[in-house]
Amino acid sequence: MDVSPEHLVEQARERFQLQDYYGAIHLLEEVLGTGRAFADAHHLLGLSYSLVGQSEQALTQLDRALTLNPQYVEALVHRAIVLNELGREAEADAAFRRAAQVGGEPRQGFSAHVAAKLANQHAALGDAYLEAGGLAQAIEQYQAALVLGPAFHDLRYKLGRMLLQAGRALDARDHFEIIVRARPAYLDAAAMLGLACYLAGDGLAAKDVWEACRERRPEDPRVEAYLAMLARNDVPQQVPPPVATAAGDPPSAGTGRSGRKKKA
């Protein structure tokens, strides 16, 4: 039975609370191995490495968390602590100043710290809905999370994947485009952008995106598989092909961007 990355992270949190930091590291490295790690996973892994005295590995993971979510106050603070332990005091001071700055920027009437916590709670509730089969409710929770944390690109990536699962390829494309514009090096998001273009019927855009991905990551078999799929199928360039919904049935020919049937 496959265990979701979210469930592995929850298990790692339990290990962490029990001060079993090596157990947490083992579980979190397993999450990274799935290729679906998110900012919280990198942050907790960095904190765990720090507590077992592996500061360089801790710094690497905290940097990755901040790459995914530059507004992650806890990661900024813990990064500053690790830098201070390494004797890099000037960098530590800069990280502390950045954490104080981010923590003071209000969002939706909340302090940045509170907004970030609420965004993560929305995402956690969305994950619970998703595991229970409530795809539409999960999407709503992730949309609410992004209102509070628009720069949380790890959450935006997960929302894009859920939108694809729901047959909403154009909406997913919008989100992946936001991620790729903000973080051009996020090749997983770029690969998913190509898939969203393909599922929306824009084969030319998908080909351009995937060929750019192949140039930057030629060893990625997923991109090669996507391009081979594109070559095998003569996809209409402007007419979206049927996309399976969460229930497994294709939407009717009259469905629009949101999956709702258009009025005559």
Protein backbone atom coordinates (compact mmCIF):
# COMPACT_ATOMS: atom_id res chain seq x y z
CA MET A 1 0.00 0.00 0.00
CA ASP A 2 1.47 3.37 -1.04
CA VAL A 3 1.71 6.00 1.69
CA SER A 4 1.17 9.61 0.67
CA PRO A 5 3.95 12.17 1.27
CA GLU A 6 1.57 14.09 3.54
CA HIS A 7 1.07 11.01 5.72
CA LEU A 8 4.84 10.42 5.88
CA VAL A 9 5.36 14.00 7.02
CA GLU A 10 2.76 13.54 9.77
CA GLN A 11 4.58 10.40 10.90
CA ALA A 12 7.84 12.35 10.86
CA ARG A 13 6.24 15.04 13.05
CA GLU A 14 5.29 12.35 15.55
CA ARG A 15 8.87 11.04 15.56
CA PHE A 16 10.14 14.59 15.99
CA GLN A 17 7.83 15.24 18.97
CA LEU A 18 9.21 12.06 20.57
CA GLN A 19 12.75 13.44 19.98
CA ASP A 20 13.45 10.59 17.57
CA TYR A 21 15.20 12.91 15.13
CA TYR A 22 16.86 10.14 13.16
CA GLY A 23 13.49 8.47 12.72
CA ALA A 24 12.08 11.76 11.45
CA ILE A 25 15.02 12.14 9.07
CA HIS A 26 14.46 8.65 7.67
CA LEU A 27 10.78 9.36 6.95
CA LEU A 28 11.43 12.78 5.49
CA GLU A 29 14.18 11.51 3.20
CA GLU A 30 11.60 9.01 1.97
CA VAL A 31 9.30 11.94 1.18
CA LEU A 32 12.08 13.62 -0.79
CA GLY A 33 12.57 10.38 -2.69
CA THR A 34 9.01 10.59 -4.01
CA GLY A 35 9.85 13.84 -5.80
CA ARG A 36 6.83 15.47 -4.16
CA ALA A 37 8.46 17.17 -1.17
CA PHE A 38 7.04 20.53 -0.07
CA ALA A 39 8.31 23.38 2.08
CA ASP A 40 7.13 21.92 5.40
CA ALA A 41 8.95 18.65 4.68
CA HIS A 42 12.23 20.41 3.88
CA HIS A 43 11.86 22.65 6.95
CA LEU A 44 11.24 19.75 9.33
CA LEU A 45 14.10 17.79 7.78
CA GLY A 46 16.42 20.77 8.20
CA LEU A 47 15.38 21.19 11.82
CA SER A 48 15.93 17.48 12.46
CA TYR A 49 19.39 17.56 10.90
CA SER A 50 20.22 20.60 13.03
CA LEU A 51 19.24 18.80 16.22
CA VAL A 52 21.52 15.85 15.45
CA GLY A 53 24.44 18.18 14.79
CA GLN A 54 24.48 17.99 10.98
CA SER A 55 24.42 21.73 10.34
CA GLU A 56 25.41 21.74 6.67
CA GLN A 57 22.66 19.28 5.76
CA ALA A 58 20.26 21.33 7.88
CA LEU A 59 21.17 24.49 6.00
CA THR A 60 20.66 22.78 2.65
CA GLN A 61 17.14 21.68 3.59
CA LEU A 62 16.17 25.04 5.07
CA ASP A 63 17.36 26.75 1.90
CA ARG A 64 15.18 24.39 -0.14
CA ALA A 65 12.19 25.17 2.07
CA LEU A 66 12.75 28.89 1.47
CA THR A 67 13.12 28.34 -2.25
CA LEU A 68 9.64 26.83 -2.24
CA ASN A 69 8.23 29.42 0.18
CA PRO A 70 10.32 32.60 0.59
CA GLN A 71 7.88 33.88 3.25
CA TYR A 72 8.38 30.89 5.57
CA VAL A 73 9.16 32.74 8.81
CA GLU A 74 10.04 29.64 10.87
CA ALA A 75 12.48 28.45 8.19
CA LEU A 76 14.09 31.91 8.10
CA VAL A 77 14.52 31.88 11.87
CA HIS A 78 15.91 28.34 12.01
CA ARG A 79 18.24 29.12 9.08
CA ALA A 80 19.57 32.09 11.05
CA ILE A 81 20.17 29.87 14.08
CA VAL A 82 22.08 27.29 12.01
CA LEU A 83 24.16 30.01 10.34
CA ASN A 84 25.03 31.38 13.78
CA GLU A 85 26.09 27.88 14.91
CA LEU A 86 28.36 27.66 11.86
CA GLY A 87 30.00 30.95 12.80
CA ARG A 88 28.51 32.81 9.84
CA GLU A 89 27.30 35.68 11.98
CA ALA A 90 26.78 38.30 9.27
CA GLU A 91 24.56 35.92 7.29
CA ALA A 92 22.73 34.94 10.46
CA ASP A 93 22.00 38.59 11.25
CA ALA A 94 20.68 39.14 7.73
CA ALA A 95 18.43 36.07 8.04
CA PHE A 96 17.05 37.29 11.38
CA ARG A 97 16.33 40.72 9.86
CA ARG A 98 14.55 39.08 6.93
CA ALA A 99 12.44 36.98 9.31
CA ALA A 100 11.46 40.11 11.25
CA GLN A 101 10.59 41.91 8.01
CA VAL A 102 8.46 39.06 6.67
CA GLY A 103 6.77 38.60 10.04
CA GLY A 104 5.67 42.22 9.96
CA GLU A 105 3.99 42.23 6.53
CA PRO A 106 0.19 41.93 6.99
CA ARG A 107 -1.88 39.68 4.71
CA GLN A 108 -5.66 39.76 4.52
CA GLY A 109 -5.72 41.69 7.79
CA PHE A 110 -3.50 39.15 9.60
CA SER A 111 0.17 39.34 10.49
CA ALA A 112 2.35 37.39 8.09
CA HIS A 113 3.06 34.76 10.74
CA VAL A 114 -0.64 34.22 11.49
CA ALA A 115 -1.54 34.27 7.79
CA ALA A 116 1.10 31.63 7.08
CA LYS A 117 -0.23 29.41 9.87
CA LEU A 118 -3.80 29.79 8.62
CA ALA A 119 -2.70 29.03 5.05
CA ASN A 120 -1.01 25.84 6.20
CA GLN A 121 -4.10 24.87 8.19
CA HIS A 122 -6.27 25.36 5.11
CA ALA A 123 -3.84 23.15 3.18
CA ALA A 124 -3.89 20.48 5.89
CA LEU A 125 -7.70 20.47 5.81
CA GLY A 126 -7.52 20.24 2.02
CA ASP A 127 -5.26 17.20 2.34
CA ALA A 128 -7.77 15.59 4.69
CA TYR A 129 -10.60 16.23 2.23
CA LEU A 130 -8.51 14.81 -0.60
CA GLU A 131 -7.72 11.61 1.30
CA ALA A 132 -11.46 11.25 2.01
CA GLY A 133 -12.30 11.63 -1.67
CA GLY A 134 -13.48 15.24 -1.46
CA LEU A 135 -11.55 16.68 -4.39
CA ALA A 136 -13.77 19.75 -4.84
CA GLN A 137 -13.55 20.62 -1.14
CA ALA A 138 -9.78 20.09 -1.18
CA ILE A 139 -9.46 22.53 -4.07
CA GLU A 140 -11.51 25.13 -2.17
CA GLN A 141 -9.24 24.83 0.87
CA TYR A 142 -6.08 25.23 -1.21
CA GLN A 143 -7.56 28.26 -2.95
CA ALA A 144 -8.24 29.78 0.48
CA ALA A 145 -4.66 28.96 1.51
CA LEU A 146 -3.28 30.84 -1.49
CA VAL A 147 -5.35 33.93 -0.70
CA LEU A 148 -3.42 34.06 2.58
CA GLY A 149 -0.10 32.94 1.10
CA PRO A 150 0.07 33.81 -2.60
CA ALA A 151 3.85 33.19 -2.65
CA PHE A 152 3.49 29.66 -1.25
CA HIS A 153 4.38 27.98 -4.52
CA ASP A 154 4.53 24.51 -3.00
CA LEU A 155 0.82 24.85 -2.17
CA ARG A 156 0.10 26.33 -5.60
CA TYR A 157 1.83 23.34 -7.20
CA LYS A 158 -0.36 20.91 -5.27
CA LEU A 159 -3.46 22.91 -6.20
CA GLY A 160 -2.48 22.76 -9.87
CA ARG A 161 -2.19 18.98 -9.68
CA MET A 162 -5.61 18.72 -8.04
CA LEU A 163 -7.14 20.95 -10.71
CA LEU A 164 -5.74 18.62 -13.37
CA GLN A 165 -7.26 15.68 -11.51
CA ALA A 166 -10.59 17.53 -11.56
CA GLY A 167 -10.40 18.04 -15.33
CA ARG A 168 -9.79 21.79 -15.01
CA ALA A 169 -6.73 21.99 -17.23
CA LEU A 170 -7.00 25.70 -18.03
CA ASP A 171 -7.21 26.66 -14.36
CA ALA A 172 -4.25 24.40 -13.62
CA ARG A 173 -2.32 26.01 -16.46
CA ASP A 174 -2.82 29.45 -14.89
CA HIS A 175 -1.32 28.29 -11.60
CA PHE A 176 1.65 26.49 -13.13
CA GLU A 177 2.39 29.58 -15.23
CA ILE A 178 2.49 31.70 -12.04
CA ILE A 179 4.96 29.28 -10.48
CA VAL A 180 7.21 29.11 -13.53
CA ARG A 181 7.27 32.90 -13.87
CA ALA A 182 8.26 33.28 -10.21
CA ARG A 183 10.65 30.33 -10.14
CA PRO A 184 12.01 29.43 -13.60
CA ALA A 185 14.23 26.73 -12.07
CA TYR A 186 11.23 24.79 -10.70
CA LEU A 187 11.32 22.20 -13.48
CA ASP A 188 8.68 19.95 -11.91
CA ALA A 189 6.21 22.83 -12.20
CA ALA A 190 7.35 23.45 -15.78
CA ALA A 191 6.74 19.80 -16.66
CA MET A 192 3.25 20.03 -15.18
CA LEU A 193 2.66 23.25 -17.12
CA GLY A 194 3.36 21.30 -20.29
CA LEU A 195 0.88 18.64 -19.20
CA ALA A 196 -1.78 21.28 -18.48
CA CYS A 197 -1.23 22.78 -21.95
CA TYR A 198 -1.53 19.33 -23.51
CA LEU A 199 -4.74 18.50 -21.65
CA ALA A 200 -6.17 21.89 -22.62
CA GLY A 201 -5.59 21.01 -26.28
CA ASP A 202 -2.61 23.30 -26.85
CA GLY A 203 -0.14 20.75 -28.17
CA LEU A 204 2.26 23.35 -29.56
CA ALA A 205 2.64 25.09 -26.20
CA ALA A 206 3.09 21.71 -24.48
CA LYS A 207 5.83 20.78 -26.96
CA ASP A 208 7.66 24.08 -26.40
CA VAL A 209 7.51 23.71 -22.62
CA TRP A 210 8.66 20.08 -22.59
CA GLU A 211 11.48 20.67 -25.06
CA ALA A 212 12.73 23.51 -22.84
CA CYS A 213 12.54 21.12 -19.86
CA ARG A 214 14.53 18.49 -21.76
CA GLU A 215 17.27 21.00 -22.53
CA ARG A 216 17.63 21.81 -18.84
CA ARG A 217 17.11 18.29 -17.48
CA PRO A 218 17.95 15.81 -20.26
CA GLU A 219 18.02 12.87 -17.84
CA ASP A 220 14.36 13.24 -16.80
CA PRO A 221 12.48 10.20 -18.21
CA ARG A 222 9.13 11.82 -17.48
CA VAL A 223 9.75 14.62 -19.97
CA GLU A 224 10.86 12.11 -22.60
CA ALA A 225 7.67 10.14 -21.99
CA TYR A 226 5.55 13.28 -22.39
CA LEU A 227 7.25 14.18 -25.68
CA ALA A 228 6.86 10.61 -26.95
CA MET A 229 3.17 10.74 -26.03
CA LEU A 230 2.83 14.01 -27.93
CA ALA A 231 4.53 12.55 -30.97
CA ARG A 232 2.21 9.52 -31.00
CA ASN A 233 -0.97 11.56 -30.78
CA ASP A 234 -2.13 14.11 -33.28
CA VAL A 235 -3.61 16.45 -30.68
CA PRO A 236 -5.92 19.23 -31.94
CA GLN A 237 -4.14 22.50 -31.19
CA GLN A 238 -7.13 24.55 -30.04
CA VAL A 239 -9.90 22.07 -29.17
CA PRO A 240 -9.48 20.55 -25.69
CA PRO A 241 -9.63 16.73 -25.64
CA PRO A 242 -11.85 15.00 -23.07
CA VAL A 243 -10.23 15.04 -19.63
CA ALA A 244 -11.08 12.46 -16.98
CA THR A 245 -12.72 13.88 -13.90
CA ALA A 246 -11.96 12.73 -10.36
CA ALA A 247 -14.70 10.12 -10.76
CA GLY A 248 -13.02 8.77 -13.89
CA ASP A 249 -15.66 9.89 -16.44
CA PRO A 250 -14.86 12.45 -19.14
CA PRO A 251 -16.81 15.72 -18.98
CA SER A 252 -19.49 16.26 -21.56
CA ALA A 253 -18.70 18.17 -24.74
CA GLY A 254 -20.47 21.25 -23.46
CA THR A 255 -18.47 21.72 -20.28
CA GLY A 256 -16.52 24.89 -19.81
CA ARG A 257 -13.40 25.91 -17.94
CA SER A 258 -14.73 24.99 -14.53
CA GLY A 259 -16.27 21.71 -15.62
CA ARG A 260 -19.81 23.11 -15.46
CA LYS A 261 -22.09 22.66 -18.45
CA LYS A 262 -22.47 25.84 -20.49
CA LYS A 263 -25.94 27.24 -21.06
CA ALA A 264 -27.26 27.05 -24.60
